[in-house]
Amino acid sequence: MSTDVTQEIKDDKGNRKERVGLVVSTAMDKTITVAVDRVKEHRLYNKALRRTKKYKAHDAENTCNVGDTVRIRETRPLSKTKRWRLVEIIERAK
């Protein structure tokens, strides 16, 4: 029974963050730049503010193109700026 518990712990990689965003660049080899938008409300005026952050993600097969909607997951540092990995391509660019 203890082996089952150990196996579950090994399979589970912890609580890693996931983001969904738009691919804005594929200029680098095996790397994509993903822009993730979030909507935040202004504290005083209650106006919706759109904030965009760019993440560099590892794309091992170079399968993504600019305009694709993708899901990325947090991972160990792969390079100086790359800390995310491509999980899936949700929608291809038209």
N, C-alpha and C. Protein backbone atom coordinates (compact mmCIF):
# COMPACT_ATOMS: atom_id res chain seq x y z
N MET A 1 0.82 -1.19 0.00
CA MET A 1 0.00 0.00 0.00
C MET A 1 0.86 1.25 0.00
N SER A 2 2.01 1.22 0.68
CA SER A 2 2.87 2.39 0.70
C SER A 2 3.48 2.66 -0.67
N THR A 3 3.64 1.63 -1.50
CA THR A 3 4.17 1.84 -2.84
C THR A 3 3.21 2.64 -3.71
N ASP A 4 1.90 2.43 -3.53
CA ASP A 4 0.91 3.20 -4.28
C ASP A 4 0.99 4.68 -3.93
N VAL A 5 1.14 4.97 -2.65
CA VAL A 5 1.23 6.36 -2.21
C VAL A 5 2.50 7.01 -2.77
N THR A 6 3.61 6.28 -2.74
CA THR A 6 4.86 6.80 -3.28
C THR A 6 4.73 7.06 -4.77
N GLN A 7 4.05 6.18 -5.49
CA GLN A 7 3.88 6.35 -6.94
C GLN A 7 3.05 7.60 -7.24
N GLU A 8 2.01 7.84 -6.44
CA GLU A 8 1.19 9.03 -6.65
C GLU A 8 2.01 10.30 -6.44
N ILE A 9 2.86 10.31 -5.44
CA ILE A 9 3.69 11.48 -5.17
C ILE A 9 4.68 11.71 -6.30
N LYS A 10 5.26 10.65 -6.86
CA LYS A 10 6.20 10.79 -7.96
C LYS A 10 5.51 11.30 -9.22
N ASP A 11 4.29 10.82 -9.49
CA ASP A 11 3.56 11.24 -10.69
C ASP A 11 3.12 12.70 -10.60
N ASP A 12 2.76 13.13 -9.41
CA ASP A 12 2.29 14.50 -9.23
C ASP A 12 3.48 15.45 -9.17
N LYS A 13 3.51 16.41 -10.07
CA LYS A 13 4.63 17.35 -10.14
C LYS A 13 4.37 18.61 -9.30
N GLY A 14 3.39 18.56 -8.44
CA GLY A 14 3.10 19.72 -7.61
C GLY A 14 2.05 20.59 -8.25
N ASN A 15 1.82 21.72 -7.65
CA ASN A 15 0.80 22.64 -8.12
C ASN A 15 1.45 23.68 -9.04
N ARG A 16 1.56 23.38 -10.31
CA ARG A 16 2.22 24.27 -11.26
C ARG A 16 1.20 25.16 -11.94
N LYS A 17 1.59 26.41 -12.17
CA LYS A 17 0.70 27.38 -12.78
C LYS A 17 0.54 27.09 -14.26
N GLU A 18 -0.64 27.36 -14.77
CA GLU A 18 -0.91 27.25 -16.20
C GLU A 18 -1.50 28.55 -16.68
N ARG A 19 -1.17 28.92 -17.90
CA ARG A 19 -1.69 30.13 -18.52
C ARG A 19 -2.14 29.80 -19.93
N VAL A 20 -3.13 30.54 -20.43
CA VAL A 20 -3.58 30.42 -21.81
C VAL A 20 -3.32 31.77 -22.47
N GLY A 21 -2.66 31.73 -23.63
CA GLY A 21 -2.33 32.97 -24.30
C GLY A 21 -2.16 32.80 -25.79
N LEU A 22 -1.73 33.89 -26.43
CA LEU A 22 -1.58 33.96 -27.87
C LEU A 22 -0.10 34.01 -28.21
N VAL A 23 0.31 33.20 -29.19
CA VAL A 23 1.71 33.19 -29.62
C VAL A 23 1.96 34.45 -30.45
N VAL A 24 2.94 35.26 -30.03
CA VAL A 24 3.26 36.50 -30.73
C VAL A 24 4.59 36.44 -31.46
N SER A 25 5.43 35.43 -31.16
CA SER A 25 6.71 35.31 -31.84
C SER A 25 7.18 33.86 -31.83
N THR A 26 7.76 33.45 -32.96
CA THR A 26 8.37 32.13 -33.07
C THR A 26 9.77 32.27 -33.68
N ALA A 27 10.40 33.41 -33.51
CA ALA A 27 11.67 33.71 -34.16
C ALA A 27 12.83 32.86 -33.64
N MET A 28 12.75 32.43 -32.38
CA MET A 28 13.84 31.66 -31.79
C MET A 28 13.62 30.17 -32.02
N ASP A 29 14.71 29.40 -32.00
CA ASP A 29 14.61 27.97 -32.19
C ASP A 29 14.12 27.30 -30.91
N LYS A 30 13.06 26.50 -31.02
CA LYS A 30 12.45 25.76 -29.91
C LYS A 30 11.93 26.66 -28.80
N THR A 31 11.64 27.92 -29.13
CA THR A 31 11.10 28.85 -28.14
C THR A 31 10.00 29.68 -28.78
N ILE A 32 8.91 29.88 -28.02
CA ILE A 32 7.83 30.75 -28.46
C ILE A 32 7.63 31.83 -27.41
N THR A 33 7.13 32.97 -27.85
CA THR A 33 6.76 34.04 -26.94
C THR A 33 5.24 34.09 -26.90
N VAL A 34 4.69 33.99 -25.70
CA VAL A 34 3.24 33.92 -25.51
C VAL A 34 2.79 35.15 -24.74
N ALA A 35 1.81 35.87 -25.28
CA ALA A 35 1.23 37.03 -24.60
C ALA A 35 -0.04 36.59 -23.88
N VAL A 36 -0.06 36.81 -22.57
CA VAL A 36 -1.20 36.43 -21.74
C VAL A 36 -1.89 37.70 -21.26
N ASP A 37 -3.17 37.83 -21.60
CA ASP A 37 -3.96 39.00 -21.17
C ASP A 37 -4.72 38.66 -19.91
N ARG A 38 -4.86 39.67 -19.05
CA ARG A 38 -5.74 39.53 -17.90
C ARG A 38 -6.45 40.85 -17.71
N VAL A 39 -7.66 40.79 -17.21
CA VAL A 39 -8.46 41.99 -17.00
C VAL A 39 -8.50 42.28 -15.51
N LYS A 40 -8.12 43.51 -15.17
CA LYS A 40 -8.06 43.93 -13.78
C LYS A 40 -8.93 45.18 -13.63
N GLU A 41 -9.61 45.27 -12.51
CA GLU A 41 -10.47 46.42 -12.28
C GLU A 41 -9.71 47.50 -11.51
N HIS A 42 -9.88 48.76 -11.92
CA HIS A 42 -9.23 49.87 -11.23
C HIS A 42 -9.82 50.02 -9.83
N ARG A 43 -8.94 50.27 -8.86
CA ARG A 43 -9.40 50.32 -7.46
C ARG A 43 -10.43 51.42 -7.22
N LEU A 44 -10.20 52.59 -7.77
CA LEU A 44 -11.07 53.73 -7.49
C LEU A 44 -12.19 53.87 -8.51
N TYR A 45 -11.86 53.76 -9.79
CA TYR A 45 -12.82 54.07 -10.85
C TYR A 45 -13.57 52.84 -11.37
N ASN A 46 -13.18 51.65 -10.94
CA ASN A 46 -13.85 50.41 -11.32
C ASN A 46 -13.89 50.18 -12.83
N LYS A 47 -12.97 50.79 -13.55
CA LYS A 47 -12.86 50.58 -14.99
C LYS A 47 -12.02 49.33 -15.24
N ALA A 48 -12.40 48.57 -16.26
CA ALA A 48 -11.67 47.36 -16.60
C ALA A 48 -10.37 47.74 -17.31
N LEU A 49 -9.25 47.29 -16.77
CA LEU A 49 -7.94 47.56 -17.36
C LEU A 49 -7.38 46.25 -17.89
N ARG A 50 -6.89 46.26 -19.13
CA ARG A 50 -6.30 45.06 -19.71
C ARG A 50 -4.79 45.12 -19.52
N ARG A 51 -4.25 44.08 -18.92
CA ARG A 51 -2.81 43.97 -18.69
C ARG A 51 -2.28 42.77 -19.46
N THR A 52 -1.16 42.95 -20.17
CA THR A 52 -0.56 41.89 -20.96
C THR A 52 0.83 41.60 -20.43
N LYS A 53 1.15 40.32 -20.31
CA LYS A 53 2.48 39.90 -19.92
C LYS A 53 2.96 38.85 -20.90
N LYS A 54 4.24 38.94 -21.27
CA LYS A 54 4.81 37.98 -22.22
C LYS A 54 5.66 36.96 -21.49
N TYR A 55 5.49 35.70 -21.88
CA TYR A 55 6.26 34.60 -21.33
C TYR A 55 6.99 33.90 -22.47
N LYS A 56 8.20 33.44 -22.19
CA LYS A 56 8.92 32.61 -23.16
C LYS A 56 8.71 31.16 -22.76
N ALA A 57 8.30 30.33 -23.72
CA ALA A 57 7.98 28.94 -23.44
C ALA A 57 8.73 28.02 -24.39
N HIS A 58 9.01 26.81 -23.90
CA HIS A 58 9.75 25.82 -24.67
C HIS A 58 8.80 25.07 -25.60
N ASP A 59 9.11 25.07 -26.89
CA ASP A 59 8.34 24.35 -27.91
C ASP A 59 9.31 23.41 -28.60
N ALA A 60 9.43 22.19 -28.10
CA ALA A 60 10.48 21.26 -28.53
C ALA A 60 10.41 20.92 -30.02
N GLU A 61 9.21 20.78 -30.59
CA GLU A 61 9.09 20.38 -32.00
C GLU A 61 8.90 21.56 -32.95
N ASN A 62 8.91 22.78 -32.46
CA ASN A 62 8.66 23.98 -33.29
C ASN A 62 7.32 23.85 -34.03
N THR A 63 6.28 23.46 -33.33
CA THR A 63 4.98 23.23 -33.96
C THR A 63 4.10 24.47 -34.00
N CYS A 64 4.37 25.46 -33.17
CA CYS A 64 3.50 26.63 -33.07
C CYS A 64 3.81 27.64 -34.17
N ASN A 65 2.77 28.40 -34.51
CA ASN A 65 2.90 29.53 -35.42
C ASN A 65 2.34 30.77 -34.74
N VAL A 66 2.68 31.93 -35.28
CA VAL A 66 2.17 33.18 -34.73
C VAL A 66 0.65 33.20 -34.88
N GLY A 67 -0.04 33.56 -33.81
CA GLY A 67 -1.50 33.63 -33.81
C GLY A 67 -2.18 32.43 -33.18
N ASP A 68 -1.44 31.37 -32.88
CA ASP A 68 -2.02 30.21 -32.22
C ASP A 68 -2.37 30.53 -30.78
N THR A 69 -3.46 29.93 -30.30
CA THR A 69 -3.81 30.01 -28.89
C THR A 69 -3.28 28.76 -28.22
N VAL A 70 -2.47 28.94 -27.16
CA VAL A 70 -1.79 27.82 -26.54
C VAL A 70 -1.95 27.83 -25.02
N ARG A 71 -1.70 26.66 -24.41
CA ARG A 71 -1.66 26.53 -22.96
C ARG A 71 -0.22 26.23 -22.57
N ILE A 72 0.32 26.99 -21.62
CA ILE A 72 1.69 26.79 -21.15
C ILE A 72 1.66 26.47 -19.66
N ARG A 73 2.69 25.74 -19.20
CA ARG A 73 2.77 25.34 -17.80
C ARG A 73 4.14 25.72 -17.25
N GLU A 74 4.15 26.15 -16.01
CA GLU A 74 5.38 26.52 -15.32
C GLU A 74 6.29 25.30 -15.16
N THR A 75 7.60 25.51 -15.30
CA THR A 75 8.56 24.42 -15.18
C THR A 75 9.86 24.96 -14.61
N ARG A 76 10.85 24.08 -14.50
CA ARG A 76 12.15 24.51 -14.00
C ARG A 76 12.79 25.48 -15.01
N PRO A 77 13.77 26.28 -14.60
CA PRO A 77 14.42 27.18 -15.56
C PRO A 77 15.12 26.40 -16.67
N LEU A 78 14.78 26.72 -17.90
CA LEU A 78 15.38 26.08 -19.07
C LEU A 78 16.47 26.94 -19.69
N SER A 79 16.41 28.23 -19.45
CA SER A 79 17.44 29.16 -19.91
C SER A 79 17.33 30.42 -19.04
N LYS A 80 18.00 31.48 -19.45
CA LYS A 80 17.99 32.70 -18.65
C LYS A 80 16.58 33.26 -18.46
N THR A 81 15.77 33.21 -19.52
CA THR A 81 14.43 33.80 -19.44
C THR A 81 13.30 32.79 -19.63
N LYS A 82 13.61 31.55 -19.94
CA LYS A 82 12.58 30.56 -20.27
C LYS A 82 12.26 29.70 -19.05
N ARG A 83 11.01 29.87 -18.52
CA ARG A 83 10.57 29.12 -17.35
C ARG A 83 9.22 28.44 -17.57
N TRP A 84 8.77 28.35 -18.81
CA TRP A 84 7.46 27.78 -19.14
C TRP A 84 7.63 26.76 -20.25
N ARG A 85 6.68 25.84 -20.35
CA ARG A 85 6.72 24.77 -21.34
C ARG A 85 5.35 24.68 -22.02
N LEU A 86 5.36 24.44 -23.31
CA LEU A 86 4.12 24.29 -24.08
C LEU A 86 3.43 22.99 -23.68
N VAL A 87 2.14 23.08 -23.34
CA VAL A 87 1.36 21.90 -22.96
C VAL A 87 0.53 21.44 -24.15
N GLU A 88 -0.22 22.38 -24.76
CA GLU A 88 -1.06 22.03 -25.90
C GLU A 88 -1.37 23.26 -26.72
N ILE A 89 -1.69 23.01 -27.98
CA ILE A 89 -2.18 24.06 -28.86
C ILE A 89 -3.69 23.97 -28.86
N ILE A 90 -4.34 25.00 -28.34
CA ILE A 90 -5.79 24.98 -28.20
C ILE A 90 -6.45 25.27 -29.54
N GLU A 91 -5.95 26.30 -30.25
CA GLU A 91 -6.56 26.67 -31.53
C GLU A 91 -5.46 27.18 -32.46
N ARG A 92 -5.47 26.69 -33.68
CA ARG A 92 -4.51 27.12 -34.69
C ARG A 92 -4.93 28.47 -35.27
N ALA A 93 -3.94 29.24 -35.72
CA ALA A 93 -4.22 30.52 -36.36
C ALA A 93 -4.88 30.29 -37.70
N LYS A 94 -5.75 31.18 -38.08
CA LYS A 94 -6.46 31.03 -39.35
C LYS A 94 -5.76 31.79 -40.46
